[in-house]
Amino acid sequence: MVFMDKLQFQGHWNQLKGKIKERWGKLTDDDLLKISGKRDELVGKLQSVYGLNREKIDQQIREIENAYYSDELRNHWNQMQSKLKQKWNALTEDDIQRIKGKSDQLIAQLQERYHFDRNKAETEFHAFIDSLGGQGGQKEKVGAQGKEKHRS
């Protein structure tokens, strides 16, 4: 199974924790504060609260991570198309049109065009999204009161 590495997971914690709380409603805000983006602590807490085994928890966390990356691809699809072609020049215009901002389609095309296994294609996809500081993963200043809006 392919996961975000520890730094990626912690770096995207603010975006992920909402989805984590939706999935596992018994976790409190205090629990999430204590976990603070540490995957192993999240797994341990979920094991103790829900009695799930590690494999089941890892699978569910992976689903949340993949949903995060999928959202980033969809939300920034128009800006990403040319970057996709630069990164993976074996992708054709037809491939790009078929993908239409869907991560599962992109991963399938990477598997087909580059003969990657599923884990390798997902790893490449995650790295691509994380490398796009200008689209996914940037902090934007929002005018009033100097607050930062975190978008990853």
Protein backbone atom coordinates (compact mmCIF):
# COMPACT_ATOMS: atom_id res chain seq x y z
CA MET A 1 0.00 0.00 0.00
CA VAL A 2 1.15 3.50 -0.80
CA PHE A 3 0.67 6.28 1.74
CA MET A 4 1.64 9.88 2.07
CA ASP A 5 5.00 9.96 3.75
CA LYS A 6 5.12 11.37 7.30
CA LEU A 7 5.92 14.91 6.17
CA GLN A 8 3.18 14.91 3.54
CA PHE A 9 0.66 13.61 6.05
CA GLN A 10 1.61 16.25 8.62
CA GLY A 11 1.74 18.94 5.92
CA HIS A 12 -1.82 18.18 4.84
CA TRP A 13 -3.12 17.57 8.35
CA ASN A 14 -5.46 20.59 8.43
CA GLN A 15 -7.20 19.40 5.28
CA LEU A 16 -7.25 15.73 6.27
CA LYS A 17 -8.47 16.06 9.84
CA GLY A 18 -11.95 17.22 8.78
CA LYS A 19 -12.34 14.10 6.65
CA ILE A 20 -10.91 11.98 9.46
CA LYS A 21 -13.42 13.38 11.92
CA GLU A 22 -16.25 12.74 9.41
CA ARG A 23 -15.15 9.12 9.05
CA TRP A 24 -14.44 8.52 12.74
CA GLY A 25 -16.91 10.69 14.67
CA LYS A 26 -15.88 9.38 18.07
CA LEU A 27 -12.59 11.26 17.80
CA THR A 28 -12.76 14.52 19.70
CA ASP A 29 -11.18 17.84 18.77
CA ASP A 30 -8.81 17.22 21.69
CA ASP A 31 -7.84 13.83 20.19
CA LEU A 32 -7.09 15.49 16.85
CA LEU A 33 -5.07 18.21 18.56
CA LYS A 34 -2.97 15.60 20.39
CA ILE A 35 -2.47 13.53 17.22
CA SER A 36 -1.29 16.67 15.42
CA GLY A 37 -0.70 15.02 12.05
CA LYS A 38 1.20 11.99 13.34
CA ARG A 39 -0.07 8.99 11.39
CA ASP A 40 1.10 6.41 13.94
CA GLU A 41 -0.67 8.23 16.75
CA LEU A 42 -3.84 8.39 14.64
CA VAL A 43 -3.66 4.67 13.96
CA GLY A 44 -3.12 3.91 17.66
CA LYS A 45 -6.01 6.11 18.73
CA LEU A 46 -8.33 4.54 16.14
CA GLN A 47 -7.32 1.06 17.28
CA SER A 48 -8.11 1.88 20.89
CA VAL A 49 -11.38 3.76 20.21
CA TYR A 50 -12.80 1.55 17.45
CA GLY A 51 -11.04 -1.78 17.97
CA LEU A 52 -10.08 -1.98 14.28
CA ASN A 53 -6.97 -3.75 13.09
CA ARG A 54 -4.12 -1.78 11.54
CA GLU A 55 -4.77 -3.05 8.00
CA LYS A 56 -8.38 -1.82 8.08
CA ILE A 57 -7.33 1.56 9.46
CA ASP A 58 -4.53 1.91 6.89
CA GLN A 59 -7.00 1.14 4.10
CA GLN A 60 -9.44 3.77 5.36
CA ILE A 61 -6.71 6.41 5.81
CA ARG A 62 -5.51 5.66 2.29
CA GLU A 63 -9.03 6.30 0.99
CA ILE A 64 -9.03 9.69 2.72
CA GLU A 65 -5.58 10.54 1.31
CA ASN A 66 -6.60 9.55 -2.21
CA ALA A 67 -9.78 11.62 -1.92
CA TYR A 68 -7.64 14.62 -0.93
CA TYR A 69 -5.40 14.23 -4.00
CA SER A 70 -8.43 13.65 -6.23
CA ASP A 71 -9.99 16.89 -5.00
CA GLU A 72 -6.79 18.78 -5.77
CA LEU A 73 -6.68 17.40 -9.31
CA ARG A 74 -10.34 18.23 -10.00
CA ASN A 75 -10.15 21.69 -8.43
CA HIS A 76 -7.16 22.72 -10.52
CA TRP A 77 -7.72 20.65 -13.65
CA ASN A 78 -7.49 23.49 -16.17
CA GLN A 79 -4.16 24.73 -14.79
CA MET A 80 -2.72 21.22 -14.50
CA GLN A 81 -3.30 19.91 -18.02
CA SER A 82 -0.17 21.44 -19.54
CA LYS A 83 1.90 20.39 -16.53
CA LEU A 84 0.61 16.83 -16.91
CA LYS A 85 1.82 16.76 -20.51
CA GLN A 86 5.20 18.19 -19.48
CA LYS A 87 5.65 15.66 -16.68
CA TRP A 88 4.37 12.64 -18.60
CA ASN A 89 4.89 13.24 -22.31
CA ALA A 90 3.56 9.78 -23.18
CA LEU A 91 0.07 10.99 -22.25
CA THR A 92 -1.81 11.93 -25.42
CA GLU A 93 -4.41 14.64 -25.92
CA ASP A 94 -7.02 11.88 -25.96
CA ASP A 95 -5.69 10.63 -22.61
CA ILE A 96 -5.95 14.13 -21.14
CA GLN A 97 -9.52 14.50 -22.41
CA ARG A 98 -10.42 11.08 -21.01
CA ILE A 99 -8.94 11.90 -17.59
CA LYS A 100 -11.10 15.02 -17.14
CA GLY A 101 -9.69 15.75 -13.70
CA LYS A 102 -10.35 12.27 -12.31
CA SER A 103 -7.47 10.84 -10.33
CA ASP A 104 -8.45 7.21 -10.94
CA GLN A 105 -8.35 7.89 -14.69
CA LEU A 106 -4.94 9.56 -14.44
CA ILE A 107 -3.57 6.69 -12.38
CA ALA A 108 -4.95 4.16 -14.89
CA GLN A 109 -3.36 6.10 -17.78
CA LEU A 110 -0.01 6.20 -15.98
CA GLN A 111 -0.24 2.45 -15.49
CA GLU A 112 -1.02 1.91 -19.15
CA ARG A 113 1.43 4.37 -20.74
CA TYR A 114 4.36 3.82 -18.38
CA HIS A 115 3.70 0.21 -17.30
CA PHE A 116 3.61 1.27 -13.64
CA ASP A 117 1.98 -0.97 -11.06
CA ARG A 118 -0.84 0.65 -9.07
CA ASN A 119 1.39 1.69 -6.15
CA LYS A 120 3.97 3.30 -8.44
CA ALA A 121 1.25 5.17 -10.36
CA GLU A 122 -0.30 6.45 -7.11
CA THR A 123 3.11 7.50 -5.79
CA GLU A 124 3.84 9.39 -9.01
CA PHE A 125 0.40 11.03 -8.88
CA HIS A 126 0.82 12.12 -5.23
CA ALA A 127 4.30 13.52 -5.93
CA PHE A 128 2.95 15.43 -8.94
CA ILE A 129 0.16 17.07 -6.92
CA ASP A 130 2.55 17.93 -4.09
CA SER A 131 5.04 19.46 -6.55
CA LEU A 132 2.48 21.98 -7.76
CA GLY A 133 2.94 24.57 -5.07
CA GLY A 134 1.11 27.12 -7.23
CA GLN A 135 -2.07 25.07 -7.54
CA GLY A 136 -2.51 22.46 -4.83
CA GLY A 137 -0.64 23.00 -1.60
CA GLN A 138 -0.22 26.76 -1.49
CA LYS A 139 -1.03 29.19 1.26
CA GLU A 140 -3.06 32.11 0.03
CA LYS A 141 -3.28 35.43 1.76
CA VAL A 142 -6.79 36.58 2.21
CA GLY A 143 -7.17 40.32 2.44
CA ALA A 144 -9.06 41.32 5.55
CA GLN A 145 -7.34 40.98 8.91
CA GLY A 146 -4.27 39.30 7.37
CA LYS A 147 -5.62 35.79 7.92
CA GLU A 148 -4.14 32.97 5.90
CA LYS A 149 -6.33 30.51 4.10
CA HIS A 150 -4.56 27.16 3.84
CA ARG A 151 -5.22 25.24 0.68
CA SER A 152 -3.52 21.94 -0.02
